[in-house]
Amino acid sequence: MIVDDEHFNIETLKMLIEVKIGAQTEIEFAHNGEKAMEMIKANCKSNGLKNMDYSLIITDLSMKPTDGLQLTQ
């Protein structure tokens, strides 16, 4: 998952990940920490905490209303 409030940053990171890991990699994104937390909670409810689908979450530290640091807490 990529969490960033700048669309350009999301697209750039998606492109780099697809080139390095493979075009078939599923990448989700959120434009702020609140949306990311909603997505993570929904994923845990549907799959159970032990089967979370996110192997990696890349987040921007300076977003509003919830920044990356708050998201990790």
C-alpha atoms as a PDB file:
ATOM      1  CA  MET A   1       0.000   0.000   0.000  1.00  0.00           C
ATOM      2  CA  ILE A   2       1.162   3.517  -0.792  1.00  0.00           C
ATOM      3  CA  VAL A   3      -0.150   6.324   1.408  1.00  0.00           C
ATOM      4  CA  ASP A   4       0.573   9.822   0.099  1.00  0.00           C
ATOM      5  CA  ASP A   5      -1.414  12.992  -0.476  1.00  0.00           C
ATOM      6  CA  GLU A   6       0.450  13.781  -3.717  1.00  0.00           C
ATOM      7  CA  HIS A   7      -0.816  11.910  -6.785  1.00  0.00           C
ATOM      8  CA  PHE A   8       2.564  12.300  -8.534  1.00  0.00           C
ATOM      9  CA  ASN A   9       4.355  10.516  -5.663  1.00  0.00           C
ATOM     10  CA  ILE A  10       1.865   7.641  -5.732  1.00  0.00           C
ATOM     11  CA  GLU A  11       2.251   7.151  -9.483  1.00  0.00           C
ATOM     12  CA  THR A  12       6.056   7.352  -9.286  1.00  0.00           C
ATOM     13  CA  LEU A  13       6.244   4.785  -6.483  1.00  0.00           C
ATOM     14  CA  LYS A  14       3.795   2.483  -8.290  1.00  0.00           C
ATOM     15  CA  MET A  15       5.929   2.612 -11.409  1.00  0.00           C
ATOM     16  CA  LEU A  16       9.158   1.886  -9.490  1.00  0.00           C
ATOM     17  CA  ILE A  17       7.601  -1.046  -7.632  1.00  0.00           C
ATOM     18  CA  GLU A  18       6.118  -2.514 -10.818  1.00  0.00           C
ATOM     19  CA  VAL A  19       9.490  -2.283 -12.599  1.00  0.00           C
ATOM     20  CA  LYS A  20      11.421  -3.853  -9.697  1.00  0.00           C
ATOM     21  CA  ILE A  21       8.918  -6.479  -8.512  1.00  0.00           C
ATOM     22  CA  GLY A  22       6.721  -7.079 -11.541  1.00  0.00           C
ATOM     23  CA  ALA A  23       3.764  -5.619 -13.358  1.00  0.00           C
ATOM     24  CA  GLN A  24       1.407  -8.183 -11.810  1.00  0.00           C
ATOM     25  CA  THR A  25       1.945  -6.810  -8.304  1.00  0.00           C
ATOM     26  CA  GLU A  26      -1.286  -5.489  -6.804  1.00  0.00           C
ATOM     27  CA  ILE A  27      -0.737  -2.043  -5.321  1.00  0.00           C
ATOM     28  CA  GLU A  28      -3.411  -0.200  -3.376  1.00  0.00           C
ATOM     29  CA  PHE A  29      -3.164   3.455  -2.440  1.00  0.00           C
ATOM     30  CA  ALA A  30      -4.730   5.992  -0.107  1.00  0.00           C
ATOM     31  CA  HIS A  31      -4.475   9.774  -0.162  1.00  0.00           C
ATOM     32  CA  ASN A  32      -4.295  10.176   3.631  1.00  0.00           C
ATOM     33  CA  GLY A  33      -3.747   8.224   6.829  1.00  0.00           C
ATOM     34  CA  GLU A  34      -7.447   8.061   7.716  1.00  0.00           C
ATOM     35  CA  LYS A  35      -8.330   6.360   4.431  1.00  0.00           C
ATOM     36  CA  ALA A  36      -5.380   3.985   4.812  1.00  0.00           C
ATOM     37  CA  MET A  37      -6.524   3.005   8.305  1.00  0.00           C
ATOM     38  CA  GLU A  38     -10.059   2.346   6.987  1.00  0.00           C
ATOM     39  CA  MET A  39      -8.614   0.108   4.265  1.00  0.00           C
ATOM     40  CA  ILE A  40      -6.372  -1.776   6.718  1.00  0.00           C
ATOM     41  CA  LYS A  41      -9.235  -2.315   9.188  1.00  0.00           C
ATOM     42  CA  ALA A  42     -11.561  -3.507   6.400  1.00  0.00           C
ATOM     43  CA  ASN A  43      -8.877  -5.902   5.201  1.00  0.00           C
ATOM     44  CA  CYS A  44      -8.376  -7.318   8.701  1.00  0.00           C
ATOM     45  CA  LYS A  45     -12.134  -7.809   9.187  1.00  0.00           C
ATOM     46  CA  SER A  46     -12.550  -9.658   5.910  1.00  0.00           C
ATOM     47  CA  ASN A  47      -9.379 -11.779   6.111  1.00  0.00           C
ATOM     48  CA  GLY A  48      -8.596 -11.965   9.801  1.00  0.00           C
ATOM     49  CA  LEU A  49      -5.588 -10.276  11.385  1.00  0.00           C
ATOM     50  CA  LYS A  50      -3.237 -13.193  10.653  1.00  0.00           C
ATOM     51  CA  ASN A  51      -4.024 -13.071   6.924  1.00  0.00           C
ATOM     52  CA  MET A  52      -3.514  -9.373   6.258  1.00  0.00           C
ATOM     53  CA  ASP A  53      -2.876  -8.751   2.568  1.00  0.00           C
ATOM     54  CA  TYR A  54      -0.388  -5.891   2.993  1.00  0.00           C
ATOM     55  CA  SER A  55       3.237  -7.012   2.855  1.00  0.00           C
ATOM     56  CA  LEU A  56       4.512  -3.441   2.798  1.00  0.00           C
ATOM     57  CA  ILE A  57       3.029  -0.015   3.538  1.00  0.00           C
ATOM     58  CA  ILE A  58       4.921   3.040   2.286  1.00  0.00           C
ATOM     59  CA  THR A  59       3.639   6.252   3.837  1.00  0.00           C
ATOM     60  CA  ASP A  60       4.313   9.966   3.634  1.00  0.00           C
ATOM     61  CA  LEU A  61       5.069  11.450   7.046  1.00  0.00           C
ATOM     62  CA  SER A  62       3.511  14.879   6.440  1.00  0.00           C
ATOM     63  CA  MET A  63      -0.164  14.585   5.445  1.00  0.00           C
ATOM     64  CA  LYS A  64      -3.378  16.024   6.830  1.00  0.00           C
ATOM     65  CA  PRO A  65      -5.548  15.165   8.704  1.00  0.00           C
ATOM     66  CA  THR A  66      -3.683  11.974   9.721  1.00  0.00           C
ATOM     67  CA  ASP A  67       0.003  11.768   8.873  1.00  0.00           C
ATOM     68  CA  GLY A  68       2.179   8.708   8.396  1.00  0.00           C
ATOM     69  CA  LEU A  69       3.573   8.817  11.911  1.00  0.00           C
ATOM     70  CA  GLN A  70       0.072   8.808  13.419  1.00  0.00           C
ATOM     71  CA  LEU A  71      -0.911   5.973  11.077  1.00  0.00           C
ATOM     72  CA  THR A  72       1.896   3.750  12.356  1.00  0.00           C
ATOM     73  CA  GLN A  73       0.917   4.278  15.972  1.00  0.00           C
END
